[in-house]
Amino acid sequence: MKKLALITKSKSLGKRLAVLSHAFSSTSKSLEEEAKSVFYVPRAERAEKAVFKLESNVGDVRLFRYDRACPTRELNFTPETWKMHKSPYRKFRHILSTFGSSPFQRLMIPDLVMVSAVSVGLSYYNVYIAAPEAQVSLDMGSFAGITSAIGMLAGFRLNASYGRYEECRIFWGETNNTIRDLAQQTMMYMRDEDQRSRMLKLCKAYPVALNFHLNAKGGHHNIRRTEVDVINMIGDSPMHLETEEPKKKKHDFNDRVQAEFEAEMRDIYADGRHEDDYDRICKIKYSGANTPIEMLTLMRETIAGCINHGCPAILVRAMDWQCERLCGVFGASERVLRTALPTGFTRHSSRLMFLWSNLLPFAIYPAMGPIGTLPVSLIGAYALLGIDDVSVQLEEPFDILPLRQYSDGMFDAIGQIERNYVPYIPPSAVSKGSD
C-alpha cells in the first residue's frame, strides 16, 4: 500500500516537482527511479567539499580524467599556477609526466601500438627472413620531404584549432562582462524589488544554461554515457548491504544531466521565490529546446515590465542592449559548436598521418638498424601525431574550457553587486534636505 501510494503521488506533476526538486521525467516513473544530482556541490556545502575533482601529474594539476581518452582540462590560472608554468625546470617535469599525459595515453592505443608492430615486424623480416640485398626500406632523403609537408599540415591544423579555442574564450569573456553590466544596471534602474530579484537570478542562471547548451554534460565531465547506479528500490533510506542485496538501475544519460542542471538551478532559486521561472527553465531544458533563448526571453520580459514601474524608456533600452550583446555572443558560440573545421580536410590529414606514421619505420631502418628502428620511430610518430591529437581536442573548445568555473565566477560577481550596491547621496543633498 505504501509503495502504491508513492506511485499514485508520482502521477501528479506538481507533487513530483516538490519532492524531487522539480524533475521533469515521465510521470509513470516511481520516485525511487529518478536520477539525482551526484557531481554538483551546492554552495552551502562548499566549505567542506571540493567543487572540482582534481588530479596531479608530476606537479601539473588538472581536472580528473576518468578515462585515457579524455583530454586535458585545467582550471583558471592563478599566480601559483603561472609560477609553475614558467619554471626553468618545467621541461624536466614535462618529460617525467609524459606517460601520464593525455596525448600519450590517447595515442598509445592504437597509433603507437601500430607503429611498434610495424617496426618489430620490419626488423624481424629484414634480419631473419630477407636476404641482405632484399631487405625492405625507404630512402630517408625522399621521406624527409614528405615529413616536412606533413609537419606543415599539422601546424596549419593546430593554428586553425587554436583560433577556435581563442575565439570561444573571448565569447565567454564577453558574456562575463555583459552579465556584470546587466546586473549593475538592474540595481541602478529597476525600482521594483521583486523585478530586481528576478532579474538578478536570471543573470546568475544564464551562464549555467549556456554551459549546458554548449557542453553535453554541462561541464560535469565525469558523467558517463552509460552508468549504473546502486539504489534502494524499496525506500529512500540508505541500503544496508548486510541485510539486503542492492538493486541496480541504469539511468538515462539525459536524465542524469538534467538532474545536475536542476541542482544548479535550485541553488540559484533556493529562496523559494520565482518558482514559475524555475519550472519554466527546467521544462525547457528537459524538452530539448533552446534554454539560453528562453532565458533571454525571460530577461526581456522582466525588462519590459519595468516601464510599468516608472523606469524611463531610455534606461529600458540600455538594459535591452545588454540582452542583445548576450544574444550575439550566444549565436557566435553556436556557430563554433555546430561547425567543425572542413571535415574533408580533417579526414585527409588523418589518412596522411596514418600512412606517414606507419611508413616511418621503413625510412628509419637504413640508418638505425633493427635495434634503433623501434624507439626512434615511436619518438617521431609521437611528436607529430601528438600535434594532430592536440589539434583535434582544441577543435571543440567547449569541451576543454572550464565553463563551470566561469559560471561560478559570474554568480559570485552578481552576488557581490547585489550585496554591496548602495546609491551614493552627495553630502550637499543631505544638507539641503535637513535645511
Protein backbone atom coordinates (compact mmCIF):
# COMPACT_ATOMS: atom_id res chain seq x y z
CA MET A 1 0.00 0.00 0.00
CA LYS A 2 2.82 2.37 0.85
CA LYS A 3 4.53 1.79 -2.49
CA LEU A 4 1.21 2.16 -4.33
CA ALA A 5 0.63 5.47 -2.60
CA LEU A 6 4.06 6.68 -3.73
CA ILE A 7 3.37 5.71 -7.33
CA THR A 8 -0.01 7.42 -7.26
CA LYS A 9 1.59 10.50 -5.81
CA SER A 10 4.19 10.50 -8.55
CA LYS A 11 1.47 10.87 -11.20
CA SER A 12 0.83 14.40 -10.02
CA LEU A 13 3.43 16.61 -11.70
CA GLY A 14 3.15 19.35 -9.12
CA LYS A 15 3.80 16.98 -6.22
CA ARG A 16 6.70 15.35 -8.03
CA LEU A 17 8.23 18.76 -8.59
CA ALA A 18 8.01 19.49 -4.86
CA VAL A 19 9.53 16.15 -3.81
CA LEU A 20 12.27 15.79 -6.45
CA SER A 21 13.32 19.40 -6.93
CA HIS A 22 11.12 19.74 -9.99
CA ALA A 23 12.35 16.73 -12.00
CA PHE A 24 10.66 16.51 -15.38
CA SER A 25 10.79 12.90 -16.47
CA SER A 26 7.79 10.74 -17.30
CA THR A 27 5.09 10.76 -14.64
CA SER A 28 4.75 6.99 -14.89
CA LYS A 29 8.09 6.50 -13.16
CA SER A 30 8.23 5.98 -9.42
CA LEU A 31 10.05 8.36 -7.11
CA GLU A 32 12.90 5.93 -6.48
CA GLU A 33 13.72 5.66 -10.20
CA GLU A 34 14.60 9.34 -10.66
CA ALA A 35 18.20 10.27 -11.40
CA LYS A 36 19.62 12.57 -8.73
CA SER A 37 22.47 15.04 -8.73
CA VAL A 38 25.82 13.41 -7.99
CA PHE A 39 28.53 15.81 -9.11
CA TYR A 40 27.26 19.31 -8.37
CA VAL A 41 28.25 20.65 -4.94
CA PRO A 42 25.75 23.22 -3.57
CA ARG A 43 27.28 26.45 -2.33
CA ALA A 44 26.13 25.78 1.20
CA GLU A 45 28.36 22.66 1.28
CA ARG A 46 31.47 24.04 -0.41
CA ALA A 47 33.24 24.83 2.84
CA GLU A 48 33.53 21.10 3.46
CA LYS A 49 33.56 19.66 -0.09
CA ALA A 50 35.77 20.35 -3.08
CA VAL A 51 33.91 21.85 -6.03
CA PHE A 52 36.16 20.24 -8.65
CA LYS A 53 37.78 16.82 -8.60
CA LEU A 54 41.45 17.32 -9.42
CA GLU A 55 44.45 15.10 -10.07
CA SER A 56 48.18 15.79 -10.26
CA ASN A 57 50.58 14.52 -12.89
CA VAL A 58 54.13 15.22 -11.62
CA GLY A 59 53.04 18.57 -10.20
CA ASP A 60 50.74 19.60 -13.06
CA VAL A 61 47.23 19.89 -11.56
CA ARG A 62 44.27 19.31 -13.85
CA LEU A 63 40.68 18.12 -13.72
CA PHE A 64 40.30 14.42 -13.06
CA ARG A 65 40.27 12.24 -16.18
CA TYR A 66 38.21 9.09 -15.65
CA ASP A 67 39.34 7.60 -18.96
CA ARG A 68 42.54 7.73 -21.01
CA ALA A 69 40.59 9.13 -23.97
CA CYS A 70 39.65 12.27 -22.01
CA PRO A 71 41.54 15.44 -22.98
CA THR A 72 43.47 17.60 -20.54
CA ARG A 73 41.20 20.13 -18.81
CA GLU A 74 42.56 22.80 -16.49
CA LEU A 75 41.04 25.49 -14.30
CA ASN A 76 41.75 29.20 -14.42
CA PHE A 77 45.37 30.09 -13.84
CA THR A 78 46.40 31.66 -10.54
CA PRO A 79 49.72 33.34 -9.61
CA GLU A 80 50.92 30.00 -8.22
CA THR A 81 49.93 28.21 -11.43
CA TRP A 82 51.74 30.78 -13.56
CA LYS A 83 54.86 30.42 -11.41
CA MET A 84 54.97 26.67 -12.03
CA HIS A 85 54.06 27.15 -15.70
CA LYS A 86 57.12 29.38 -16.24
CA SER A 87 59.51 27.42 -14.03
CA PRO A 88 63.00 26.86 -15.52
CA TYR A 89 62.60 23.19 -14.52
CA ARG A 90 59.33 22.75 -16.42
CA LYS A 91 60.95 20.72 -19.21
CA PHE A 92 62.16 18.06 -16.77
CA ARG A 93 58.72 17.96 -15.16
CA HIS A 94 57.04 17.62 -18.54
CA ILE A 95 59.35 14.80 -19.58
CA LEU A 96 58.60 12.91 -16.37
CA SER A 97 54.86 13.35 -16.90
CA THR A 98 54.89 12.06 -20.49
CA PHE A 99 53.35 8.66 -19.78
CA GLY A 100 50.53 10.22 -17.75
CA SER A 101 49.79 12.92 -20.29
CA SER A 102 46.59 12.99 -22.29
CA PRO A 103 48.20 12.97 -25.80
CA PHE A 104 50.42 9.97 -24.98
CA GLN A 105 47.62 7.94 -23.42
CA ARG A 106 45.27 8.72 -26.28
CA LEU A 107 47.87 7.82 -28.92
CA MET A 108 49.17 4.73 -27.14
CA ILE A 109 46.29 2.62 -28.45
CA PRO A 110 46.01 2.19 -31.38
CA ASP A 111 48.51 4.56 -33.04
CA LEU A 112 51.76 3.85 -31.17
CA VAL A 113 50.95 0.16 -30.85
CA MET A 114 50.52 0.05 -34.63
CA VAL A 115 53.85 1.79 -35.23
CA SER A 116 55.53 -0.62 -32.80
CA ALA A 117 54.06 -3.63 -34.60
CA VAL A 118 55.26 -2.35 -37.97
CA SER A 119 58.74 -1.61 -36.57
CA VAL A 120 59.12 -5.04 -34.93
CA GLY A 121 57.73 -6.84 -37.97
CA LEU A 122 60.04 -4.95 -40.33
CA SER A 123 63.12 -5.63 -38.18
CA TYR A 124 62.25 -9.31 -37.85
CA TYR A 125 61.72 -9.68 -41.60
CA ASN A 126 64.95 -7.91 -42.58
CA VAL A 127 67.08 -9.76 -40.02
CA TYR A 128 65.70 -13.30 -40.10
CA ILE A 129 63.85 -13.76 -43.38
CA ALA A 130 65.10 -11.46 -46.16
CA ALA A 131 68.48 -11.73 -47.80
CA PRO A 132 70.77 -8.70 -47.32
CA GLU A 133 70.12 -7.49 -50.86
CA ALA A 134 66.33 -7.97 -50.46
CA GLN A 135 65.76 -6.00 -47.26
CA VAL A 136 62.75 -3.69 -47.26
CA SER A 137 63.27 0.03 -46.59
CA LEU A 138 62.61 3.53 -47.91
CA ASP A 139 65.01 6.27 -48.96
CA MET A 140 65.36 8.59 -45.96
CA GLY A 141 66.04 11.67 -48.11
CA SER A 142 62.84 11.31 -50.09
CA PHE A 143 60.85 10.56 -46.95
CA ALA A 144 62.23 13.74 -45.30
CA GLY A 145 60.48 15.85 -47.94
CA ILE A 146 57.18 14.11 -47.21
CA THR A 147 57.75 14.62 -43.47
CA SER A 148 58.21 18.36 -43.99
CA ALA A 149 54.90 18.58 -45.85
CA ILE A 150 53.11 16.54 -43.18
CA GLY A 151 54.61 18.76 -40.46
CA MET A 152 53.35 21.91 -42.20
CA LEU A 153 49.90 20.33 -42.49
CA ALA A 154 49.88 19.50 -38.76
CA GLY A 155 51.00 23.04 -37.88
CA PHE A 156 48.27 24.57 -40.02
CA ARG A 157 45.64 22.41 -38.38
CA LEU A 158 46.91 23.31 -34.91
CA ASN A 159 46.72 27.03 -35.71
CA ALA A 160 43.18 26.68 -37.06
CA SER A 161 42.04 24.77 -33.96
CA TYR A 162 43.70 27.21 -31.58
CA GLY A 163 41.92 30.05 -33.37
CA ARG A 164 38.60 28.43 -32.49
CA TYR A 165 39.76 27.91 -28.88
CA GLU A 166 40.81 31.55 -28.51
CA GLU A 167 37.59 32.76 -30.11
CA CYS A 168 35.44 30.81 -27.66
CA ARG A 169 37.40 32.09 -24.68
CA ILE A 170 36.70 35.62 -25.94
CA PHE A 171 33.00 34.75 -26.20
CA TRP A 172 32.86 33.75 -22.54
CA GLY A 173 34.81 36.84 -21.55
CA GLU A 174 32.24 38.97 -23.37
CA THR A 175 29.42 37.05 -21.67
CA ASN A 176 31.04 37.70 -18.31
CA ASN A 177 31.38 41.44 -18.99
CA THR A 178 27.81 41.72 -20.25
CA ILE A 179 26.31 39.85 -17.30
CA ARG A 180 28.13 42.13 -14.87
CA ASP A 181 26.96 45.24 -16.73
CA LEU A 182 23.39 43.99 -16.76
CA ALA A 183 23.46 43.18 -13.03
CA GLN A 184 24.75 46.66 -12.22
CA GLN A 185 22.13 48.30 -14.44
CA THR A 186 19.47 46.17 -12.77
CA MET A 187 20.43 47.55 -9.37
CA MET A 188 20.56 51.09 -10.77
CA TYR A 189 17.40 51.26 -12.87
CA MET A 190 14.86 48.72 -11.62
CA ARG A 191 12.78 50.27 -8.85
CA ASP A 192 10.61 47.27 -8.00
CA GLU A 193 12.36 44.90 -5.57
CA ASP A 194 10.68 41.78 -6.98
CA GLN A 195 11.75 42.68 -10.51
CA ARG A 196 15.32 43.26 -9.35
CA SER A 197 15.42 39.92 -7.56
CA ARG A 198 14.01 38.10 -10.59
CA MET A 199 16.43 39.77 -13.00
CA LEU A 200 19.50 39.03 -10.86
CA LYS A 201 18.53 35.37 -10.61
CA LEU A 202 18.19 35.22 -14.38
CA CYS A 203 21.63 36.79 -14.72
CA LYS A 204 23.03 34.06 -12.45
CA ALA A 205 21.15 31.29 -14.25
CA TYR A 206 22.01 32.36 -17.81
CA PRO A 207 25.69 31.21 -17.74
CA VAL A 208 24.58 27.85 -16.32
CA ALA A 209 22.04 27.40 -19.11
CA LEU A 210 24.62 28.45 -21.70
CA ASN A 211 27.13 25.98 -20.27
CA PHE A 212 24.69 23.05 -20.51
CA HIS A 213 23.69 24.14 -24.02
CA LEU A 214 27.26 24.25 -25.33
CA ASN A 215 28.52 21.17 -23.46
CA ALA A 216 26.52 17.95 -23.42
CA LYS A 217 27.50 17.28 -19.79
CA GLY A 218 27.29 20.85 -18.57
CA GLY A 219 30.94 20.78 -17.53
CA HIS A 220 30.39 17.70 -15.33
CA HIS A 221 32.85 15.70 -17.41
CA ASN A 222 32.82 12.65 -15.14
CA ILE A 223 29.22 11.83 -16.09
CA ARG A 224 29.47 8.72 -18.25
CA ARG A 225 27.24 7.96 -21.19
CA THR A 226 26.41 4.55 -19.72
CA GLU A 227 26.33 4.30 -15.96
CA VAL A 228 24.62 2.01 -13.46
CA ASP A 229 23.66 3.45 -10.09
CA VAL A 230 23.14 1.38 -6.96
CA ILE A 231 19.82 2.50 -5.48
CA ASN A 232 17.25 1.33 -2.95
CA MET A 233 14.14 0.28 -4.85
CA ILE A 234 12.12 -0.04 -1.64
CA GLY A 235 12.64 3.30 0.10
CA ASP A 236 14.81 6.39 0.21
CA SER A 237 16.85 5.29 3.22
CA PRO A 238 20.43 4.01 2.66
CA MET A 239 20.69 0.35 1.75
CA HIS A 240 22.09 -1.94 4.45
CA LEU A 241 24.18 -4.36 2.41
CA GLU A 242 24.41 -6.89 5.23
CA THR A 243 20.64 -7.49 5.17
CA GLU A 244 19.67 -6.96 1.57
CA GLU A 245 21.25 -7.02 -1.87
CA PRO A 246 21.44 -3.61 -3.58
CA LYS A 247 19.37 -3.08 -6.69
CA LYS A 248 20.95 -1.59 -9.78
CA LYS A 249 19.14 0.86 -12.04
CA LYS A 250 20.53 2.23 -15.28
CA HIS A 251 19.55 5.88 -15.62
CA ASP A 252 19.31 7.55 -18.99
CA PHE A 253 22.22 9.88 -19.76
CA ASN A 254 19.94 12.85 -20.42
CA ASP A 255 18.11 12.28 -17.12
CA ARG A 256 21.39 12.36 -15.20
CA VAL A 257 22.46 15.55 -16.95
CA GLN A 258 19.02 17.03 -16.23
CA ALA A 259 19.48 16.21 -12.53
CA GLU A 260 22.75 18.16 -12.43
CA PHE A 261 21.14 21.08 -14.27
CA GLU A 262 18.23 21.21 -11.86
CA ALA A 263 20.58 21.06 -8.87
CA GLU A 264 22.48 24.10 -10.14
CA MET A 265 19.24 25.97 -10.84
CA ARG A 266 17.85 25.06 -7.42
CA ASP A 267 20.95 26.62 -5.85
CA ILE A 268 20.07 29.88 -7.61
CA TYR A 269 16.36 29.70 -6.73
CA ALA A 270 16.98 28.49 -3.19
CA ASP A 271 14.83 31.21 -1.56
CA GLY A 272 11.61 29.70 -2.93
CA ARG A 273 10.65 32.81 -4.91
CA HIS A 274 10.03 32.91 -8.67
CA GLU A 275 9.29 29.20 -8.79
CA ASP A 276 7.44 29.71 -12.07
CA ASP A 277 10.71 30.76 -13.68
CA TYR A 278 12.48 27.73 -12.23
CA ASP A 279 9.80 25.38 -13.56
CA ARG A 280 9.79 27.04 -16.96
CA ILE A 281 13.57 26.87 -17.35
CA CYS A 282 13.82 23.22 -16.25
CA LYS A 283 10.95 22.15 -18.51
CA ILE A 284 12.57 23.83 -21.50
CA LYS A 285 15.87 22.09 -20.75
CA TYR A 286 14.21 18.70 -20.35
CA SER A 287 12.25 19.10 -23.59
CA GLY A 288 15.49 19.63 -25.53
CA ALA A 289 14.59 23.16 -26.60
CA ASN A 290 16.98 26.12 -26.64
CA THR A 291 17.40 27.03 -22.96
CA PRO A 292 19.58 30.18 -23.40
CA ILE A 293 16.98 31.64 -25.78
CA GLU A 294 14.30 31.03 -23.15
CA MET A 295 16.50 32.71 -20.55
CA LEU A 296 16.92 35.77 -22.76
CA THR A 297 13.15 35.85 -23.28
CA LEU A 298 12.62 35.85 -19.52
CA MET A 299 15.14 38.66 -19.13
CA ARG A 300 13.42 40.78 -21.74
CA GLU A 301 10.02 40.10 -20.22
CA THR A 302 11.36 41.44 -16.93
CA ILE A 303 12.96 44.46 -18.57
CA ALA A 304 9.74 45.26 -20.48
CA GLY A 305 7.81 45.17 -17.20
CA CYS A 306 9.99 47.97 -15.81
CA ILE A 307 8.08 50.52 -17.91
CA ASN A 308 5.01 49.95 -15.75
CA HIS A 309 7.05 50.70 -12.62
CA GLY A 310 8.38 54.12 -13.59
CA CYS A 311 11.60 53.14 -15.38
CA PRO A 312 12.28 55.60 -18.28
CA ALA A 313 12.26 54.08 -21.75
CA ILE A 314 15.86 55.11 -22.42
CA LEU A 315 17.03 53.07 -19.42
CA VAL A 316 14.92 50.12 -20.52
CA ARG A 317 16.63 50.35 -23.90
CA ALA A 318 20.05 50.36 -22.21
CA MET A 319 19.27 47.11 -20.38
CA ASP A 320 17.79 45.55 -23.52
CA TRP A 321 21.00 46.33 -25.37
CA GLN A 322 22.85 44.09 -22.91
CA CYS A 323 20.49 41.27 -23.87
CA GLU A 324 21.36 41.96 -27.50
CA ARG A 325 25.04 41.55 -26.63
CA LEU A 326 24.33 38.23 -24.90
CA CYS A 327 22.29 37.02 -27.86
CA GLY A 328 25.05 37.95 -30.31
CA VAL A 329 27.74 36.13 -28.33
CA PHE A 330 25.42 33.14 -27.90
CA GLY A 331 24.85 32.94 -31.65
CA ALA A 332 28.59 33.12 -32.32
CA SER A 333 29.17 30.31 -29.80
CA GLU A 334 26.59 28.14 -31.56
CA ARG A 335 28.37 28.78 -34.84
CA VAL A 336 31.60 27.33 -33.43
CA LEU A 337 29.77 24.46 -31.72
CA ARG A 338 27.91 23.34 -34.84
CA THR A 339 30.61 23.94 -37.44
CA ALA A 340 33.83 21.94 -37.32
CA LEU A 341 36.85 22.52 -39.48
CA PRO A 342 36.10 21.25 -43.01
CA THR A 343 35.63 17.52 -42.50
CA GLY A 344 37.24 16.70 -45.83
CA PHE A 345 40.44 18.37 -44.63
CA THR A 346 40.26 16.54 -41.28
CA ARG A 347 39.80 13.14 -42.92
CA HIS A 348 42.54 13.78 -45.47
CA SER A 349 45.04 14.85 -42.82
CA SER A 350 44.08 11.82 -40.69
CA ARG A 351 44.78 9.46 -43.59
CA LEU A 352 48.13 11.12 -44.30
CA MET A 353 49.14 10.95 -40.62
CA PHE A 354 48.26 7.25 -40.50
CA LEU A 355 50.23 6.42 -43.64
CA TRP A 356 53.20 8.57 -42.61
CA SER A 357 53.48 7.12 -39.11
CA ASN A 358 53.35 3.52 -40.34
CA LEU A 359 55.85 4.15 -43.17
CA LEU A 360 58.25 5.92 -40.81
CA PRO A 361 59.97 2.67 -39.64
CA PHE A 362 60.84 1.86 -43.28
CA ALA A 363 62.68 5.20 -43.59
CA ILE A 364 64.35 4.89 -40.18
CA TYR A 365 65.63 1.31 -40.66
CA PRO A 366 68.56 2.00 -43.06
CA ALA A 367 70.10 4.47 -40.60
CA MET A 368 69.19 2.94 -37.23
CA GLY A 369 69.10 -0.78 -37.98
CA PRO A 370 66.93 -3.34 -36.16
CA ILE A 371 67.78 -2.05 -32.68
CA GLY A 372 67.15 1.66 -33.15
CA THR A 373 64.16 1.47 -35.52
CA LEU A 374 61.53 0.87 -32.83
CA PRO A 375 62.43 3.66 -30.33
CA VAL A 376 63.20 6.28 -32.99
CA SER A 377 60.00 5.51 -34.90
CA LEU A 378 57.95 5.78 -31.71
CA ILE A 379 59.51 9.13 -30.81
CA GLY A 380 58.96 10.52 -34.30
CA ALA A 381 55.39 9.27 -34.52
CA TYR A 382 54.57 10.58 -31.04
CA ALA A 383 55.98 14.01 -31.88
CA LEU A 384 53.87 14.58 -34.99
CA LEU A 385 50.77 12.59 -34.07
CA GLY A 386 50.72 14.41 -30.72
CA ILE A 387 50.39 17.75 -32.51
CA ASP A 388 47.50 16.37 -34.54
CA ASP A 389 45.81 14.98 -31.41
CA VAL A 390 46.07 18.29 -29.55
CA SER A 391 44.58 19.99 -32.62
CA VAL A 392 41.60 17.64 -32.61
CA GLN A 393 40.94 18.33 -28.91
CA LEU A 394 41.20 22.11 -29.33
CA GLU A 395 38.78 22.00 -32.24
CA GLU A 396 35.92 21.58 -29.73
CA PRO A 397 36.79 24.37 -27.24
CA PHE A 398 33.65 23.99 -25.12
CA ASP A 399 34.85 20.52 -24.06
CA ILE A 400 38.18 21.95 -22.86
CA LEU A 401 37.42 25.35 -21.31
CA PRO A 402 36.44 25.43 -17.60
CA LEU A 403 32.90 26.63 -18.28
CA ARG A 404 31.58 25.73 -14.84
CA GLN A 405 34.28 27.84 -13.21
CA TYR A 406 33.30 30.74 -15.47
CA SER A 407 29.66 30.32 -14.42
CA ASP A 408 30.60 30.26 -10.74
CA GLY A 409 32.64 33.43 -11.21
CA MET A 410 29.65 35.24 -12.71
CA PHE A 411 27.42 34.03 -9.86
CA ASP A 412 29.87 35.42 -7.29
CA ALA A 413 30.20 38.74 -9.14
CA ILE A 414 26.42 39.22 -9.29
CA GLY A 415 26.11 38.33 -5.61
CA GLN A 416 28.74 40.93 -4.75
CA ILE A 417 26.94 43.58 -6.81
CA GLU A 418 23.64 42.73 -5.13
CA ARG A 419 25.07 42.84 -1.60
CA ASN A 420 27.24 45.96 -1.90
CA TYR A 421 25.24 48.26 -4.16
CA VAL A 422 24.25 51.43 -2.30
CA PRO A 423 23.18 54.58 -4.21
CA TYR A 424 25.55 57.43 -3.48
CA ILE A 425 23.91 60.53 -2.00
CA PRO A 426 26.16 63.63 -2.10
CA PRO A 427 26.66 65.38 1.24
CA SER A 428 25.31 68.58 -0.28
CA ALA A 429 21.98 66.87 -0.99
CA VAL A 430 21.80 65.67 2.62
CA SER A 431 22.46 69.14 3.99
CA LYS A 432 19.84 70.70 1.74
CA GLY A 433 17.32 68.13 2.85
CA SER A 434 17.98 68.89 6.52
CA ASP A 435 17.53 72.63 5.87
